[in-house]
Protein backbone atom coordinates (compact mmCIF):
# COMPACT_ATOMS: atom_id res chain seq x y z
CA MET A 1 32.78 -31.27 102.32
CA ASN A 2 33.80 -27.91 100.82
CA ARG A 3 36.20 -28.37 97.56
CA THR A 4 37.96 -26.44 94.87
CA HIS A 5 38.34 -27.85 91.56
CA ASN A 6 41.24 -26.55 89.39
CA ILE A 7 42.02 -23.81 91.01
CA LYS A 8 45.46 -23.33 90.25
CA ASP A 9 46.93 -19.08 91.22
CA LYS A 10 48.98 -17.88 87.90
CA LEU A 11 50.58 -15.50 90.43
CA PRO A 12 50.93 -18.20 93.53
CA GLU A 13 54.72 -16.17 94.12
CA TYR A 14 52.50 -12.15 94.83
CA GLY A 15 51.14 -11.44 97.88
CA GLN A 16 49.38 -8.11 98.64
CA SER A 17 50.99 -5.11 97.39
CA ILE A 18 54.05 -4.19 99.26
CA PHE A 19 51.95 -0.32 99.22
CA ALA A 20 48.76 -2.17 100.52
CA GLN A 21 50.61 -4.21 103.22
CA MET A 22 52.51 -0.93 104.31
CA THR A 23 49.14 1.32 104.55
CA PHE A 24 47.65 -1.55 106.02
CA PHE A 25 50.31 -1.29 109.06
CA ALA A 26 50.70 2.12 109.23
CA ASN A 27 46.87 2.28 109.84
CA ALA A 28 46.52 -0.33 112.38
CA HIS A 29 49.82 1.25 114.28
CA ASN A 30 47.77 4.59 114.43
CA ALA A 31 51.14 5.63 111.88
CA ILE A 32 51.62 9.27 109.80
CA ASN A 33 51.28 6.88 105.91
CA LEU A 34 54.71 8.43 103.97
CA ALA A 35 54.19 5.28 102.34
CA GLN A 36 51.66 4.92 100.09
CA GLY A 37 51.82 7.50 96.61
CA PHE A 38 48.90 10.08 97.01
CA PRO A 39 48.46 12.78 97.61
CA GLU A 40 46.58 14.47 100.76
CA GLU A 41 45.72 17.60 99.76
CA ASP A 42 42.79 17.55 97.48
CA GLY A 43 42.92 18.33 93.78
CA PRO A 44 41.97 22.15 92.85
CA PRO A 45 38.02 23.35 93.67
CA GLU A 46 36.99 23.64 89.97
CA LEU A 47 37.88 21.09 89.01
CA LEU A 48 35.47 19.19 91.95
CA GLN A 49 33.38 21.74 90.94
CA PHE A 50 32.69 20.40 87.58
CA LEU A 51 32.68 16.92 89.00
CA GLY A 52 29.50 17.29 90.98
CA GLU A 53 28.32 19.72 87.57
CA ALA A 54 28.67 16.37 85.40
CA ALA A 55 26.67 14.37 86.39
CA GLN A 56 24.11 17.08 87.10
CA LYS A 57 23.94 18.26 84.20
CA GLY A 58 23.44 14.51 82.50
CA PHE A 59 26.99 12.92 81.41
CA ASN A 60 26.07 9.28 83.85
CA GLN A 61 26.29 7.68 80.41
CA TYR A 62 28.74 5.12 78.40
CA ALA A 63 31.51 7.33 77.38
CA PRO A 64 33.00 6.38 73.70
CA MET A 65 35.57 4.00 74.02
CA THR A 66 37.86 6.48 73.08
CA GLY A 67 37.04 9.02 75.69
CA LEU A 68 35.30 11.92 75.43
CA PRO A 69 36.46 14.28 72.45
CA GLY A 70 36.56 16.92 74.73
CA LEU A 71 38.91 15.69 76.54
CA ASN A 72 40.99 14.07 74.34
CA LYS A 73 41.14 17.31 72.34
CA ALA A 74 42.12 18.79 75.90
CA ILE A 75 45.11 16.34 75.81
CA ALA A 76 46.08 17.01 72.49
CA ASP A 77 46.30 20.68 73.47
CA LYS A 78 48.33 20.66 76.06
CA TRP A 79 51.16 18.64 74.52
CA GLN A 80 51.48 21.14 71.71
CA LYS A 81 51.11 24.40 74.07
CA GLU A 82 53.61 22.78 76.59
CA TYR A 83 55.45 21.10 74.62
CA GLY A 84 55.63 21.83 71.21
CA ILE A 85 54.27 18.06 70.56
CA GLN A 86 51.13 17.08 67.62
CA LEU A 87 48.90 14.80 69.02
CA ASP A 88 45.79 13.99 66.74
CA PRO A 89 42.98 13.87 69.54
CA LYS A 90 41.27 10.53 67.24
CA GLU A 91 44.69 8.77 66.39
CA ASN A 92 46.73 9.02 68.83
CA ILE A 93 44.84 9.03 72.11
CA GLN A 94 43.54 6.97 74.31
CA ILE A 95 41.40 7.35 77.89
CA SER A 96 42.32 4.68 80.30
CA PRO A 97 41.20 3.75 83.71
CA GLY A 98 43.99 4.93 85.61
CA ALA A 99 47.77 4.46 84.58
CA THR A 100 48.45 1.44 86.20
CA GLN A 101 44.96 -0.03 83.62
CA ALA A 102 46.82 1.82 80.74
CA ILE A 103 49.94 -0.53 81.35
CA PHE A 104 48.71 -3.56 82.26
CA THR A 105 46.26 -3.48 79.19
CA ALA A 106 49.07 -2.50 77.01
CA LEU A 107 50.90 -5.64 77.87
CA GLN A 108 48.12 -7.88 77.35
CA ALA A 109 47.52 -6.42 74.31
CA LEU A 110 51.40 -6.22 72.62
CA VAL A 111 53.18 -9.72 74.22
CA HIS A 112 52.42 -13.36 73.65
CA PRO A 113 53.58 -15.96 75.17
CA GLY A 114 57.57 -16.20 74.88
CA ASP A 115 58.00 -12.84 74.16
CA GLU A 116 60.72 -10.64 76.61
CA VAL A 117 60.15 -7.26 78.37
CA ILE A 118 63.29 -5.44 79.95
CA VAL A 119 62.14 -4.02 83.00
CA PHE A 120 64.49 -1.64 84.88
CA THR A 121 64.79 -1.96 88.72
CA PRO A 122 63.79 -1.31 91.44
CA ALA A 123 60.42 -1.16 89.31
CA TYR A 124 57.04 -0.60 90.62
CA ASP A 125 55.28 -3.54 91.78
CA SER A 126 52.71 -3.64 88.72
CA PHE A 127 55.19 -4.46 86.49
CA ILE A 128 56.36 -7.86 85.89
CA PRO A 129 52.57 -9.74 86.61
CA GLY A 130 51.19 -7.50 83.90
CA ILE A 131 54.42 -9.39 82.05
CA LYS A 132 54.40 -12.78 83.52
CA LEU A 133 50.51 -12.53 83.38
CA ALA A 134 50.35 -11.85 79.61
CA GLY A 135 52.51 -15.18 78.97
CA GLY A 136 55.91 -13.43 78.74
CA LYS A 137 58.73 -13.18 80.10
CA ALA A 138 60.43 -9.83 82.63
CA VAL A 139 64.09 -9.35 81.89
CA VAL A 140 65.27 -7.30 84.95
CA VAL A 141 67.83 -4.64 84.27
CA PRO A 142 69.01 -3.24 87.74
CA THR A 143 70.08 -0.27 88.92
CA TYR A 144 71.55 0.77 92.19
CA LYS A 145 71.80 3.59 94.02
CA PRO A 146 73.33 6.77 94.27
CA ASP A 147 72.35 7.64 91.00
CA PHE A 148 70.45 4.48 89.48
CA GLU A 149 71.98 5.33 86.71
CA PRO A 150 71.32 2.80 83.76
CA ASP A 151 74.33 0.06 83.06
CA TRP A 152 73.88 0.28 78.96
CA GLU A 153 75.85 -2.14 78.34
CA LYS A 154 73.77 -4.89 80.65
CA PHE A 155 70.88 -2.91 78.88
CA GLU A 156 72.08 -4.14 75.24
CA ALA A 157 73.54 -7.69 76.80
CA ALA A 158 69.59 -7.92 78.27
CA ILE A 159 68.35 -7.85 74.60
CA SER A 160 67.60 -11.12 72.69
CA PRO A 161 65.63 -11.71 69.43
CA LYS A 162 62.73 -12.89 71.84
CA THR A 163 63.04 -8.67 72.72
CA LYS A 164 59.55 -7.48 72.35
CA ALA A 165 59.33 -4.95 74.26
CA VAL A 166 61.03 -2.01 77.11
CA LEU A 167 58.89 -1.30 79.66
CA VAL A 168 60.18 2.49 81.66
CA ASN A 169 59.77 4.73 83.78
CA THR A 170 60.19 9.17 83.92
CA PRO A 171 60.30 10.45 87.00
CA HIS A 172 60.96 7.30 88.34
CA ASN A 173 59.30 5.65 90.92
CA PRO A 174 61.20 4.76 94.03
CA SER A 175 63.96 6.96 93.25
CA GLY A 176 63.06 10.47 91.34
CA ARG A 177 65.08 10.23 88.08
CA CYS A 178 64.29 11.58 84.90
CA PHE A 179 65.58 10.08 81.62
CA SER A 180 67.74 12.66 80.28
CA GLU A 181 68.26 13.29 76.15
CA GLU A 182 71.33 11.07 76.44
CA ASP A 183 69.02 8.09 77.98
CA TRP A 184 66.64 8.47 75.79
CA LYS A 185 69.24 8.25 72.35
CA THR A 186 70.86 4.83 74.13
CA LEU A 187 67.61 3.24 74.07
CA ILE A 188 66.48 4.58 70.99
CA ARG A 189 69.51 3.82 68.91
CA LEU A 190 69.61 0.16 70.31
CA THR A 191 66.77 -0.70 70.15
CA SER A 192 66.20 0.19 66.02
CA GLU A 193 67.34 -2.72 64.80
CA GLN A 194 64.85 -4.50 66.22
CA ASN A 195 62.17 -2.10 66.85
CA ILE A 196 61.34 -2.83 69.69
CA ILE A 197 58.22 -1.27 71.06
CA LEU A 198 59.30 1.26 73.94
CA ILE A 199 56.23 1.73 76.49
CA SER A 200 56.99 4.68 79.06
CA ASP A 201 55.17 5.74 82.61
CA GLU A 202 55.18 8.79 82.84
CA VAL A 203 52.15 9.19 85.39
CA TYR A 204 55.32 11.62 86.87
CA GLU A 205 55.93 14.56 83.98
CA PRO A 206 54.24 17.74 85.78
CA LEU A 207 56.68 16.97 88.77
CA VAL A 208 59.58 17.29 87.14
CA PHE A 209 62.14 20.39 89.88
CA ASP A 210 64.90 22.40 89.75
CA GLY A 211 63.99 24.37 87.06
CA LYS A 212 63.87 21.86 84.70
CA SER A 213 60.87 20.09 82.03
CA HIS A 214 59.72 16.29 81.51
CA LEU A 215 61.12 15.31 78.98
CA SER A 216 58.89 12.54 76.74
CA LEU A 217 59.30 9.40 74.31
CA LEU A 218 56.63 11.52 72.21
CA HIS A 219 59.61 14.08 72.13
CA PHE A 220 61.35 11.60 70.24
CA PRO A 221 59.83 11.44 66.58
CA GLU A 222 61.65 8.98 64.93
CA VAL A 223 60.10 6.22 67.61
CA PHE A 224 56.77 7.72 67.46
CA HIS A 225 56.28 4.71 64.99
CA ARG A 226 57.02 2.30 68.20
CA SER A 227 55.81 4.12 70.86
CA LEU A 228 53.15 3.94 73.12
CA ALA A 229 53.43 6.64 76.25
CA ILE A 230 51.29 6.62 79.90
CA PHE A 231 50.00 9.37 82.00
CA SER A 232 47.81 9.84 85.56
CA PHE A 233 45.26 12.71 85.50
CA GLY A 234 45.23 11.22 89.45
CA LYS A 235 48.80 12.41 89.49
CA ALA A 236 48.43 15.69 87.84
CA PHE A 237 45.42 17.03 89.50
CA ASN A 238 45.78 15.52 93.07
CA ILE A 239 42.38 12.77 92.74
CA THR A 240 44.14 9.28 92.37
CA GLY A 241 41.06 8.30 93.94
CA TRP A 242 39.43 9.27 90.30
CA LYS A 243 40.97 6.51 88.77
CA ILE A 244 41.73 7.97 85.14
CA GLY A 245 44.76 8.46 82.74
CA TYR A 246 45.43 8.23 79.49
CA LEU A 247 47.95 7.01 76.63
CA ALA A 248 48.96 8.73 73.52
CA GLY A 249 51.48 7.20 70.83
CA ALA A 250 51.47 5.29 67.35
CA PRO A 251 47.80 4.71 66.01
CA GLN A 252 48.79 0.89 64.75
CA LEU A 253 50.13 0.46 69.22
CA LEU A 254 46.55 2.14 70.42
CA ASP A 255 44.46 0.05 67.78
CA VAL A 256 45.85 -3.04 69.27
CA PHE A 257 45.34 -1.93 72.05
CA ARG A 258 41.65 -1.17 72.28
CA LYS A 259 41.42 -4.42 70.97
CA VAL A 260 41.83 -5.53 74.71
CA HIS A 261 40.75 -2.80 76.23
CA GLN A 262 36.91 -2.40 74.69
CA PHE A 263 36.49 -5.83 75.91
CA GLN A 264 38.14 -5.71 79.16
CA ILE A 265 36.37 -1.62 80.12
CA PHE A 266 35.34 -0.33 77.10
CA SER A 267 34.18 2.79 78.63
CA VAL A 268 35.62 5.22 81.14
CA HIS A 269 33.65 6.93 84.56
CA THR A 270 32.21 10.04 82.01
CA PRO A 271 31.55 12.75 84.76
CA SER A 272 35.06 12.70 84.97
CA GLN A 273 35.54 12.87 81.94
CA PHE A 274 33.79 15.57 81.07
CA ALA A 275 35.38 17.42 84.29
CA LEU A 276 38.67 16.81 83.26
CA ALA A 277 38.09 18.05 79.69
CA LYS A 278 36.04 21.88 81.10
CA PHE A 279 38.79 22.05 84.06
CA MET A 280 41.64 22.13 81.04
CA GLN A 281 39.78 24.16 78.35
CA LYS A 282 38.79 26.95 80.90
CA GLY A 283 42.94 27.27 81.72
CA GLY A 284 43.17 24.37 83.87
CA ASN A 285 47.28 23.48 84.94
CA SER A 286 48.66 20.23 85.71
CA LEU A 287 51.64 21.87 86.48
CA ASP A 288 50.21 24.36 89.64
CA PHE A 289 51.16 22.17 92.22
CA LYS A 290 55.10 21.71 90.99
CA ASP A 291 56.34 24.29 93.39
CA ASP A 292 54.36 22.95 96.05
CA TYR A 293 56.16 19.77 96.00
CA GLU A 294 59.44 21.06 95.35
CA GLN A 295 59.02 23.10 98.55
CA LYS A 296 58.41 19.67 100.45
CA ARG A 297 60.35 18.38 99.17
CA ASN A 298 63.73 20.49 100.42
CA TYR A 299 61.85 20.97 103.20
CA PHE A 300 61.56 17.17 104.24
CA SER A 301 64.57 15.99 102.34
CA LYS A 302 66.72 18.62 104.93
CA ALA A 303 64.92 17.83 108.19
CA ILE A 304 65.88 14.03 107.50
CA ALA A 305 69.20 14.56 106.13
CA GLU A 306 69.80 16.16 109.80
CA ILE A 307 68.37 13.43 112.27
CA GLY A 308 70.98 11.16 110.66
CA PHE A 309 69.41 9.96 107.41
CA LYS A 310 71.08 10.23 103.58
CA PRO A 311 68.70 11.37 101.56
CA LEU A 312 69.60 11.18 97.70
CA SER A 313 69.02 13.05 94.72
CA CYS A 314 64.92 13.32 93.13
CA ALA A 315 64.77 14.97 89.72
CA GLY A 316 61.11 14.26 90.10
CA SER A 317 57.82 12.38 91.01
CA TYR A 318 56.77 12.56 94.74
CA PHE A 319 59.32 10.38 96.34
CA LEU A 320 62.30 10.40 98.27
CA LEU A 321 65.05 7.83 98.96
CA ALA A 322 66.70 7.58 102.20
CA ASP A 323 69.58 5.38 103.10
CA TYR A 324 69.12 4.78 106.45
CA SER A 325 72.77 2.72 106.58
CA ALA A 326 73.67 5.51 110.18
CA LEU A 327 71.11 4.69 111.64
CA SER A 328 70.67 1.00 111.90
CA GLU A 329 71.52 -2.60 110.94
CA LYS A 330 68.01 -3.53 110.42
CA GLY A 331 67.36 -5.32 106.60
CA ASP A 332 65.06 -2.55 105.10
CA ILE A 333 61.66 -4.82 105.85
CA GLU A 334 62.26 -5.39 109.32
CA PHE A 335 63.63 -1.57 109.24
CA CYS A 336 60.12 -0.75 108.44
CA GLU A 337 57.98 -2.48 110.40
CA TRP A 338 59.59 -1.27 113.40
CA LEU A 339 59.67 2.47 111.88
CA THR A 340 55.96 2.25 111.75
CA LYS A 341 55.61 0.53 115.05
CA ASP A 342 57.62 1.87 117.19
CA ILE A 343 58.42 5.46 115.72
CA GLY A 344 54.39 6.34 114.09
CA VAL A 345 55.72 6.59 110.23
CA SER A 346 55.46 4.50 107.20
CA ALA A 347 57.99 4.16 104.87
CA VAL A 348 58.21 1.46 101.50
CA PRO A 349 61.40 -0.79 101.87
CA THR A 350 62.79 -0.41 98.31
CA SER A 351 64.25 -4.34 98.01
CA VAL A 352 60.94 -5.54 97.36
CA LEU A 353 60.91 -3.63 94.23
CA TYR A 354 63.83 -5.71 93.23
CA HIS A 355 63.83 -9.24 91.14
CA PRO A 356 64.79 -10.91 93.31
CA HIS A 357 65.16 -8.19 95.93
CA PHE A 358 67.86 -6.16 96.90
CA ASP A 359 69.07 -4.66 99.56
CA GLN A 360 70.40 -1.12 99.90
CA LYS A 361 69.63 -0.29 103.74
CA LEU A 362 66.53 2.17 101.18
CA ILE A 363 63.76 3.75 101.82
CA ARG A 364 61.17 5.71 99.89
CA PHE A 365 59.14 8.44 101.86
CA CYS A 366 56.50 10.31 99.93
CA PHE A 367 56.12 13.81 100.67
CA ALA A 368 52.91 14.54 98.97
CA LYS A 369 51.54 15.61 101.93
CA LYS A 370 50.58 18.28 103.84
CA GLN A 371 53.07 20.57 105.59
CA GLU A 372 51.30 19.94 108.72
CA THR A 373 51.29 15.92 108.09
CA LEU A 374 54.90 16.14 107.33
CA GLY A 375 56.16 18.03 110.50
CA LYS A 376 54.58 15.90 112.60
CA ALA A 377 56.16 12.77 110.86
CA ILE A 378 59.62 14.93 110.98
CA GLU A 379 59.02 15.58 115.63
CA LYS A 380 58.22 11.38 115.31
CA LEU A 381 61.51 10.46 113.62
CA TRP A 382 63.51 13.05 115.27
CA LYS A 383 62.90 9.97 118.44
CA ILE A 384 65.43 7.38 115.64
CA SER A 385 68.51 9.53 117.35
CA GLU A 386 67.44 9.94 120.96
């Protein structure tokens, strides 16, 4: 007889992520996958060429734990050139195997049993499990359609003597909302008395639209000593499968981060680091995809509005929320299942990104696809109104 001995699930309430579920469902029904957040088009050809060159030239062994010096310097140069922010390549930058690992490891390093971490919902689905696995408690402050503005009174009420950190996301997944200067200043003011750590997920940093540029936590030097900002090369250069990102922030926080990182990962894929460093040093720019994505946002938003959806504002990222209440009375999970199976287009129900679930009849589409794919999706979606 097979027996399991003392196996106790640390996340019994969680199953497969909603993004993986909807991708599986889309594949099972041969639907167009606008659910999972990955671009359909490849990264820059020169960057891909440099990856092969790195392997051929022998960059195949462990990289330094903090990252290849050339890549760390290229990141520092980017922030100086694009934002006027000075970062020390050694002290302020850490390469990570993707942004999700960086968030998870930061939580493991900084959060102790009994600590509380405030999270705005709807939230990327790894935030709250990461807090729980660190022994902490997630304290959620929900935001709602149409604008997903933070309720700062509720936020202030959520702060307690146990609050260790706040985890924010800008541009926001799934709403596309971007933190304003007023948002940042309010957050900084409300967390100053307790010196609360600020962790900012900024993976869609290059994708801020309508003539605006990204406003980072790093723009506020008065809180740099308690700040960690997290970024993704996958999102910046259409190479999500490379699973590589980086953190920038206070040396004292990165030192604690690295103590966990060294035993969990130690170093990040060396050829990828070499390729990214060379590409950035030669002028490769993470903003090169911005105009294309803005055009696709505009095209897709206009098209689904004509079908009967009510698209919400999207200031950044490559996601668009759509209110379908004029088209169906189904709950958002049921609606997404029906949309995938009967219409042939997959999307994400946003209710599952709230804790507890909260259904506003909103679904999330990813428009980071080829124009041809978006056109085919629109053709299928027209069947809803037939």
